[in-house]
Amino acid sequence: MAAPEKVKGPASYFPSIEKTYGHPMEHWFALVRQQQGMKHMEIVNWLKAEHGMGHGHANAVVAFCLAPTKVP
């Protein structure tokens, strides 16, 4: 029997983000969706400044939300 495939990419950060910041991922996705007209790094910096998120976590959330094939 094959082992389950390991999660890769931005989604691999999600368990740590939920544990560290105390909110489900949908909370973060909704916040990012509200940042209309902002570029990737502007949203990353906003998450860091306004919500105390670390750079890697903020980048993972934004990358996932802005990926053209993902609809959180």
PDB file of N, CA and C in Angstrom:
ATOM      1  N   MET A   1       0.842  -1.172   0.000  1.00  0.00           N
ATOM      2  CA  MET A   1       0.000   0.000   0.000  1.00  0.00           C
ATOM      3  C   MET A   1       0.892   1.242   0.000  1.00  0.00           C
ATOM      4  N   ALA A   2       0.597   2.190  -0.868  1.00  0.00           N
ATOM      5  CA  ALA A   2       1.412   3.394  -1.003  1.00  0.00           C
ATOM      6  C   ALA A   2       1.095   4.386   0.116  1.00  0.00           C
ATOM      7  N   ALA A   3       2.128   5.093   0.543  1.00  0.00           N
ATOM      8  CA  ALA A   3       1.945   6.127   1.567  1.00  0.00           C
ATOM      9  C   ALA A   3       1.189   7.304   0.967  1.00  0.00           C
ATOM     10  N   PRO A   4       0.400   8.004   1.776  1.00  0.00           N
ATOM     11  CA  PRO A   4      -0.314   9.173   1.255  1.00  0.00           C
ATOM     12  C   PRO A   4       0.672  10.220   0.755  1.00  0.00           C
ATOM     13  N   GLU A   5       0.301  10.908  -0.320  1.00  0.00           N
ATOM     14  CA  GLU A   5       1.176  11.917  -0.904  1.00  0.00           C
ATOM     15  C   GLU A   5       1.319  13.097   0.052  1.00  0.00           C
ATOM     16  N   LYS A   6       2.541  13.552   0.230  1.00  0.00           N
ATOM     17  CA  LYS A   6       2.819  14.670   1.126  1.00  0.00           C
ATOM     18  C   LYS A   6       2.382  15.975   0.458  1.00  0.00           C
ATOM     19  N   VAL A   7       1.745  16.842   1.237  1.00  0.00           N
ATOM     20  CA  VAL A   7       1.303  18.136   0.726  1.00  0.00           C
ATOM     21  C   VAL A   7       2.525  18.986   0.427  1.00  0.00           C
ATOM     22  N   LYS A   8       2.518  19.633  -0.728  1.00  0.00           N
ATOM     23  CA  LYS A   8       3.643  20.468  -1.146  1.00  0.00           C
ATOM     24  C   LYS A   8       3.147  21.877  -1.434  1.00  0.00           C
ATOM     25  N   GLY A   9       4.075  22.788  -1.611  1.00  0.00           N
ATOM     26  CA  GLY A   9       3.742  24.156  -1.972  1.00  0.00           C
ATOM     27  C   GLY A   9       3.164  24.937  -0.807  1.00  0.00           C
ATOM     28  N   PRO A  10       2.467  26.038  -1.128  1.00  0.00           N
ATOM     29  CA  PRO A  10       1.931  26.897  -0.073  1.00  0.00           C
ATOM     30  C   PRO A  10       1.042  26.164   0.936  1.00  0.00           C
ATOM     31  N   ALA A  11       0.284  25.185   0.475  1.00  0.00           N
ATOM     32  CA  ALA A  11      -0.632  24.466   1.370  1.00  0.00           C
ATOM     33  C   ALA A  11       0.108  23.715   2.476  1.00  0.00           C
ATOM     34  N   SER A  12       1.375  23.432   2.272  1.00  0.00           N
ATOM     35  CA  SER A  12       2.131  22.728   3.312  1.00  0.00           C
ATOM     36  C   SER A  12       2.294  23.587   4.573  1.00  0.00           C
ATOM     37  N   TYR A  13       2.121  24.887   4.452  1.00  0.00           N
ATOM     38  CA  TYR A  13       2.218  25.800   5.591  1.00  0.00           C
ATOM     39  C   TYR A  13       0.921  25.908   6.380  1.00  0.00           C
ATOM     40  N   PHE A  14      -0.202  25.477   5.818  1.00  0.00           N
ATOM     41  CA  PHE A  14      -1.507  25.743   6.410  1.00  0.00           C
ATOM     42  C   PHE A  14      -1.681  25.220   7.829  1.00  0.00           C
ATOM     43  N   PRO A  15      -1.280  23.991   8.148  1.00  0.00           N
ATOM     44  CA  PRO A  15      -1.443  23.547   9.548  1.00  0.00           C
ATOM     45  C   PRO A  15      -0.695  24.436  10.540  1.00  0.00           C
ATOM     46  N   SER A  16       0.501  24.844  10.181  1.00  0.00           N
ATOM     47  CA  SER A  16       1.291  25.703  11.051  1.00  0.00           C
ATOM     48  C   SER A  16       0.667  27.092  11.176  1.00  0.00           C
ATOM     49  N   ILE A  17       0.129  27.611  10.084  1.00  0.00           N
ATOM     50  CA  ILE A  17      -0.512  28.930  10.111  1.00  0.00           C
ATOM     51  C   ILE A  17      -1.723  28.896  11.041  1.00  0.00           C
ATOM     52  N   GLU A  18      -2.551  27.862  10.914  1.00  0.00           N
ATOM     53  CA  GLU A  18      -3.728  27.755  11.775  1.00  0.00           C
ATOM     54  C   GLU A  18      -3.338  27.644  13.245  1.00  0.00           C
ATOM     55  N   LYS A  19      -2.329  26.851  13.526  1.00  0.00           N
ATOM     56  CA  LYS A  19      -1.882  26.659  14.908  1.00  0.00           C
ATOM     57  C   LYS A  19      -1.256  27.935  15.469  1.00  0.00           C
ATOM     58  N   THR A  20      -0.424  28.586  14.687  1.00  0.00           N
ATOM     59  CA  THR A  20       0.318  29.755  15.159  1.00  0.00           C
ATOM     60  C   THR A  20      -0.579  30.965  15.377  1.00  0.00           C
ATOM     61  N   TYR A  21      -1.528  31.205  14.468  1.00  0.00           N
ATOM     62  CA  TYR A  21      -2.316  32.433  14.510  1.00  0.00           C
ATOM     63  C   TYR A  21      -3.752  32.232  14.983  1.00  0.00           C
ATOM     64  N   GLY A  22      -4.151  30.985  15.233  1.00  0.00           N
ATOM     65  CA  GLY A  22      -5.429  30.709  15.854  1.00  0.00           C
ATOM     66  C   GLY A  22      -6.674  30.917  15.018  1.00  0.00           C
ATOM     67  N   HIS A  23      -6.523  30.936  13.703  1.00  0.00           N
ATOM     68  CA  HIS A  23      -7.675  31.097  12.815  1.00  0.00           C
ATOM     69  C   HIS A  23      -7.603  30.039  11.711  1.00  0.00           C
ATOM     70  N   PRO A  24      -8.771  29.588  11.241  1.00  0.00           N
ATOM     71  CA  PRO A  24      -8.775  28.640  10.116  1.00  0.00           C
ATOM     72  C   PRO A  24      -8.314  29.345   8.835  1.00  0.00           C
ATOM     73  N   MET A  25      -7.902  28.585   7.868  1.00  0.00           N
ATOM     74  CA  MET A  25      -7.390  29.163   6.628  1.00  0.00           C
ATOM     75  C   MET A  25      -8.431  30.018   5.915  1.00  0.00           C
ATOM     76  N   GLU A  26      -9.694  29.664   6.003  1.00  0.00           N
ATOM     77  CA  GLU A  26     -10.720  30.473   5.345  1.00  0.00           C
ATOM     78  C   GLU A  26     -10.716  31.911   5.855  1.00  0.00           C
ATOM     79  N   HIS A  27     -10.389  32.105   7.121  1.00  0.00           N
ATOM     80  CA  HIS A  27     -10.272  33.456   7.684  1.00  0.00           C
ATOM     81  C   HIS A  27      -9.225  34.255   6.905  1.00  0.00           C
ATOM     82  N   TRP A  28      -8.057  33.648   6.705  1.00  0.00           N
ATOM     83  CA  TRP A  28      -6.965  34.333   6.001  1.00  0.00           C
ATOM     84  C   TRP A  28      -7.297  34.533   4.535  1.00  0.00           C
ATOM     85  N   PHE A  29      -7.926  33.540   3.908  1.00  0.00           N
ATOM     86  CA  PHE A  29      -8.315  33.676   2.497  1.00  0.00           C
ATOM     87  C   PHE A  29      -9.291  34.839   2.330  1.00  0.00           C
ATOM     88  N   ALA A  30     -10.252  34.970   3.245  1.00  0.00           N
ATOM     89  CA  ALA A  30     -11.233  36.048   3.163  1.00  0.00           C
ATOM     90  C   ALA A  30     -10.553  37.411   3.299  1.00  0.00           C
ATOM     91  N   LEU A  31      -9.585  37.518   4.203  1.00  0.00           N
ATOM     92  CA  LEU A  31      -8.861  38.780   4.364  1.00  0.00           C
ATOM     93  C   LEU A  31      -8.105  39.146   3.090  1.00  0.00           C
ATOM     94  N   VAL A  32      -7.465  38.161   2.488  1.00  0.00           N
ATOM     95  CA  VAL A  32      -6.710  38.419   1.261  1.00  0.00           C
ATOM     96  C   VAL A  32      -7.659  38.831   0.133  1.00  0.00           C
ATOM     97  N   ARG A  33      -8.801  38.172   0.030  1.00  0.00           N
ATOM     98  CA  ARG A  33      -9.767  38.522  -1.027  1.00  0.00           C
ATOM     99  C   ARG A  33     -10.263  39.958  -0.882  1.00  0.00           C
ATOM    100  N   GLN A  34     -10.262  40.500   0.317  1.00  0.00           N
ATOM    101  CA  GLN A  34     -10.721  41.870   0.544  1.00  0.00           C
ATOM    102  C   GLN A  34      -9.699  42.918   0.080  1.00  0.00           C
ATOM    103  N   GLN A  35      -8.496  42.505  -0.216  1.00  0.00           N
ATOM    104  CA  GLN A  35      -7.434  43.446  -0.586  1.00  0.00           C
ATOM    105  C   GLN A  35      -7.427  43.672  -2.100  1.00  0.00           C
ATOM    106  N   GLN A  36      -8.525  44.156  -2.610  1.00  0.00           N
ATOM    107  CA  GLN A  36      -8.685  44.387  -4.045  1.00  0.00           C
ATOM    108  C   GLN A  36      -7.649  45.382  -4.569  1.00  0.00           C
ATOM    109  N   GLY A  37      -7.060  45.064  -5.704  1.00  0.00           N
ATOM    110  CA  GLY A  37      -6.133  45.982  -6.356  1.00  0.00           C
ATOM    111  C   GLY A  37      -4.728  45.987  -5.797  1.00  0.00           C
ATOM    112  N   MET A  38      -4.461  45.215  -4.756  1.00  0.00           N
ATOM    113  CA  MET A  38      -3.117  45.176  -4.190  1.00  0.00           C
ATOM    114  C   MET A  38      -2.309  44.071  -4.864  1.00  0.00           C
ATOM    115  N   LYS A  39      -1.020  44.302  -4.997  1.00  0.00           N
ATOM    116  CA  LYS A  39      -0.116  43.309  -5.575  1.00  0.00           C
ATOM    117  C   LYS A  39       0.304  42.306  -4.503  1.00  0.00           C
ATOM    118  N   HIS A  40       0.880  41.206  -4.973  1.00  0.00           N
ATOM    119  CA  HIS A  40       1.292  40.106  -4.096  1.00  0.00           C
ATOM    120  C   HIS A  40       2.067  40.601  -2.878  1.00  0.00           C
ATOM    121  N   MET A  41       3.163  41.292  -3.101  1.00  0.00           N
ATOM    122  CA  MET A  41       4.011  41.707  -1.978  1.00  0.00           C
ATOM    123  C   MET A  41       3.349  42.772  -1.114  1.00  0.00           C
ATOM    124  N   GLU A  42       2.452  43.556  -1.681  1.00  0.00           N
ATOM    125  CA  GLU A  42       1.713  44.523  -0.872  1.00  0.00           C
ATOM    126  C   GLU A  42       0.817  43.796   0.133  1.00  0.00           C
ATOM    127  N   ILE A  43       0.184  42.719  -0.319  1.00  0.00           N
ATOM    128  CA  ILE A  43      -0.673  41.938   0.580  1.00  0.00           C
ATOM    129  C   ILE A  43       0.176  41.211   1.625  1.00  0.00           C
ATOM    130  N   VAL A  44       1.305  40.658   1.202  1.00  0.00           N
ATOM    131  CA  VAL A  44       2.218  40.003   2.151  1.00  0.00           C
ATOM    132  C   VAL A  44       2.616  40.990   3.241  1.00  0.00           C
ATOM    133  N   ASN A  45       3.042  42.172   2.840  1.00  0.00           N
ATOM    134  CA  ASN A  45       3.464  43.176   3.818  1.00  0.00           C
ATOM    135  C   ASN A  45       2.309  43.625   4.701  1.00  0.00           C
ATOM    136  N   TRP A  46       1.100  43.685   4.162  1.00  0.00           N
ATOM    137  CA  TRP A  46      -0.082  44.034   4.933  1.00  0.00           C
ATOM    138  C   TRP A  46      -0.366  42.974   6.003  1.00  0.00           C
ATOM    139  N   LEU A  47      -0.307  41.696   5.615  1.00  0.00           N
ATOM    140  CA  LEU A  47      -0.521  40.620   6.587  1.00  0.00           C
ATOM    141  C   LEU A  47       0.516  40.673   7.701  1.00  0.00           C
ATOM    142  N   LYS A  48       1.750  40.967   7.341  1.00  0.00           N
ATOM    143  CA  LYS A  48       2.812  41.060   8.330  1.00  0.00           C
ATOM    144  C   LYS A  48       2.580  42.234   9.280  1.00  0.00           C
ATOM    145  N   ALA A  49       2.236  43.395   8.735  1.00  0.00           N
ATOM    146  CA  ALA A  49       2.079  44.601   9.542  1.00  0.00           C
ATOM    147  C   ALA A  49       0.795  44.590  10.371  1.00  0.00           C
ATOM    148  N   GLU A  50      -0.299  44.179   9.772  1.00  0.00           N
ATOM    149  CA  GLU A  50      -1.603  44.276  10.431  1.00  0.00           C
ATOM    150  C   GLU A  50      -1.959  43.054  11.284  1.00  0.00           C
ATOM    151  N   HIS A  51      -1.374  41.906  10.957  1.00  0.00           N
ATOM    152  CA  HIS A  51      -1.765  40.678  11.651  1.00  0.00           C
ATOM    153  C   HIS A  51      -0.590  39.939  12.278  1.00  0.00           C
ATOM    154  N   GLY A  52       0.605  40.513  12.202  1.00  0.00           N
ATOM    155  CA  GLY A  52       1.773  39.927  12.844  1.00  0.00           C
ATOM    156  C   GLY A  52       2.214  38.602  12.254  1.00  0.00           C
ATOM    157  N   MET A  53       1.848  38.367  11.004  1.00  0.00           N
ATOM    158  CA  MET A  53       2.190  37.104  10.366  1.00  0.00           C
ATOM    159  C   MET A  53       3.645  37.141   9.893  1.00  0.00           C
ATOM    160  N   GLY A  54       4.323  36.017  10.001  1.00  0.00           N
ATOM    161  CA  GLY A  54       5.682  35.921   9.503  1.00  0.00           C
ATOM    162  C   GLY A  54       5.705  35.954   7.982  1.00  0.00           C
ATOM    163  N   HIS A  55       6.842  36.294   7.420  1.00  0.00           N
ATOM    164  CA  HIS A  55       6.950  36.451   5.968  1.00  0.00           C
ATOM    165  C   HIS A  55       6.592  35.168   5.214  1.00  0.00           C
ATOM    166  N   GLY A  56       7.140  34.047   5.630  1.00  0.00           N
ATOM    167  CA  GLY A  56       6.872  32.782   4.930  1.00  0.00           C
ATOM    168  C   GLY A  56       5.405  32.399   4.972  1.00  0.00           C
ATOM    169  N   HIS A  57       4.768  32.582   6.114  1.00  0.00           N
ATOM    170  CA  HIS A  57       3.350  32.262   6.242  1.00  0.00           C
ATOM    171  C   HIS A  57       2.505  33.205   5.387  1.00  0.00           C
ATOM    172  N   ALA A  58       2.793  34.492   5.469  1.00  0.00           N
ATOM    173  CA  ALA A  58       2.039  35.471   4.675  1.00  0.00           C
ATOM    174  C   ALA A  58       2.209  35.196   3.190  1.00  0.00           C
ATOM    175  N   ASN A  59       3.406  34.912   2.776  1.00  0.00           N
ATOM    176  CA  ASN A  59       3.668  34.628   1.367  1.00  0.00           C
ATOM    177  C   ASN A  59       2.915  33.387   0.899  1.00  0.00           C
ATOM    178  N   ALA A  60       2.850  32.359   1.737  1.00  0.00           N
ATOM    179  CA  ALA A  60       2.140  31.130   1.381  1.00  0.00           C
ATOM    180  C   ALA A  60       0.644  31.387   1.206  1.00  0.00           C
ATOM    181  N   VAL A  61       0.055  32.163   2.112  1.00  0.00           N
ATOM    182  CA  VAL A  61      -1.375  32.465   2.017  1.00  0.00           C
ATOM    183  C   VAL A  61      -1.666  33.240   0.730  1.00  0.00           C
ATOM    184  N   VAL A  62      -0.878  34.264   0.483  1.00  0.00           N
ATOM    185  CA  VAL A  62      -1.109  35.101  -0.698  1.00  0.00           C
ATOM    186  C   VAL A  62      -0.863  34.312  -1.981  1.00  0.00           C
ATOM    187  N   ALA A  63       0.206  33.534  -2.025  1.00  0.00           N
ATOM    188  CA  ALA A  63       0.500  32.741  -3.219  1.00  0.00           C
ATOM    189  C   ALA A  63      -0.647  31.784  -3.520  1.00  0.00           C
ATOM    190  N   PHE A  64      -1.191  31.133  -2.498  1.00  0.00           N
ATOM    191  CA  PHE A  64      -2.294  30.208  -2.693  1.00  0.00           C
ATOM    192  C   PHE A  64      -3.526  30.941  -3.209  1.00  0.00           C
ATOM    193  N   CYS A  65      -3.828  32.075  -2.596  1.00  0.00           N
ATOM    194  CA  CYS A  65      -5.030  32.831  -2.977  1.00  0.00           C
ATOM    195  C   CYS A  65      -4.935  33.409  -4.384  1.00  0.00           C
ATOM    196  N   LEU A  66      -3.769  33.843  -4.770  1.00  0.00           N
ATOM    197  CA  LEU A  66      -3.616  34.489  -6.066  1.00  0.00           C
ATOM    198  C   LEU A  66      -3.278  33.534  -7.204  1.00  0.00           C
ATOM    199  N   ALA A  67      -3.047  32.267  -6.885  1.00  0.00           N
ATOM    200  CA  ALA A  67      -2.756  31.280  -7.933  1.00  0.00           C
ATOM    201  C   ALA A  67      -3.961  31.187  -8.871  1.00  0.00           C
ATOM    202  N   PRO A  68      -3.726  31.221 -10.172  1.00  0.00           N
ATOM    203  CA  PRO A  68      -4.848  31.245 -11.110  1.00  0.00           C
ATOM    204  C   PRO A  68      -5.716  29.993 -11.091  1.00  0.00           C
ATOM    205  N   THR A  69      -5.178  28.852 -10.651  1.00  0.00           N
ATOM    206  CA  THR A  69      -5.960  27.619 -10.645  1.00  0.00           C
ATOM    207  C   THR A  69      -6.629  27.326  -9.317  1.00  0.00           C
ATOM    208  N   LYS A  70      -6.363  28.149  -8.306  1.00  0.00           N
ATOM    209  CA  LYS A  70      -6.929  27.925  -6.979  1.00  0.00           C
ATOM    210  C   LYS A  70      -8.031  28.941  -6.720  1.00  0.00           C
ATOM    211  N   VAL A  71      -9.130  28.485  -6.171  1.00  0.00           N
ATOM    212  CA  VAL A  71     -10.206  29.388  -5.766  1.00  0.00           C
ATOM    213  C   VAL A  71     -10.550  29.061  -4.323  1.00  0.00           C
ATOM    214  N   PRO A  72      -9.870  29.758  -3.369  1.00  0.00           N
ATOM    215  CA  PRO A  72     -10.119  29.465  -1.954  1.00  0.00           C
ATOM    216  C   PRO A  72     -11.504  29.909  -1.511  1.00  0.00           C
TER     217      PRO A  72
END
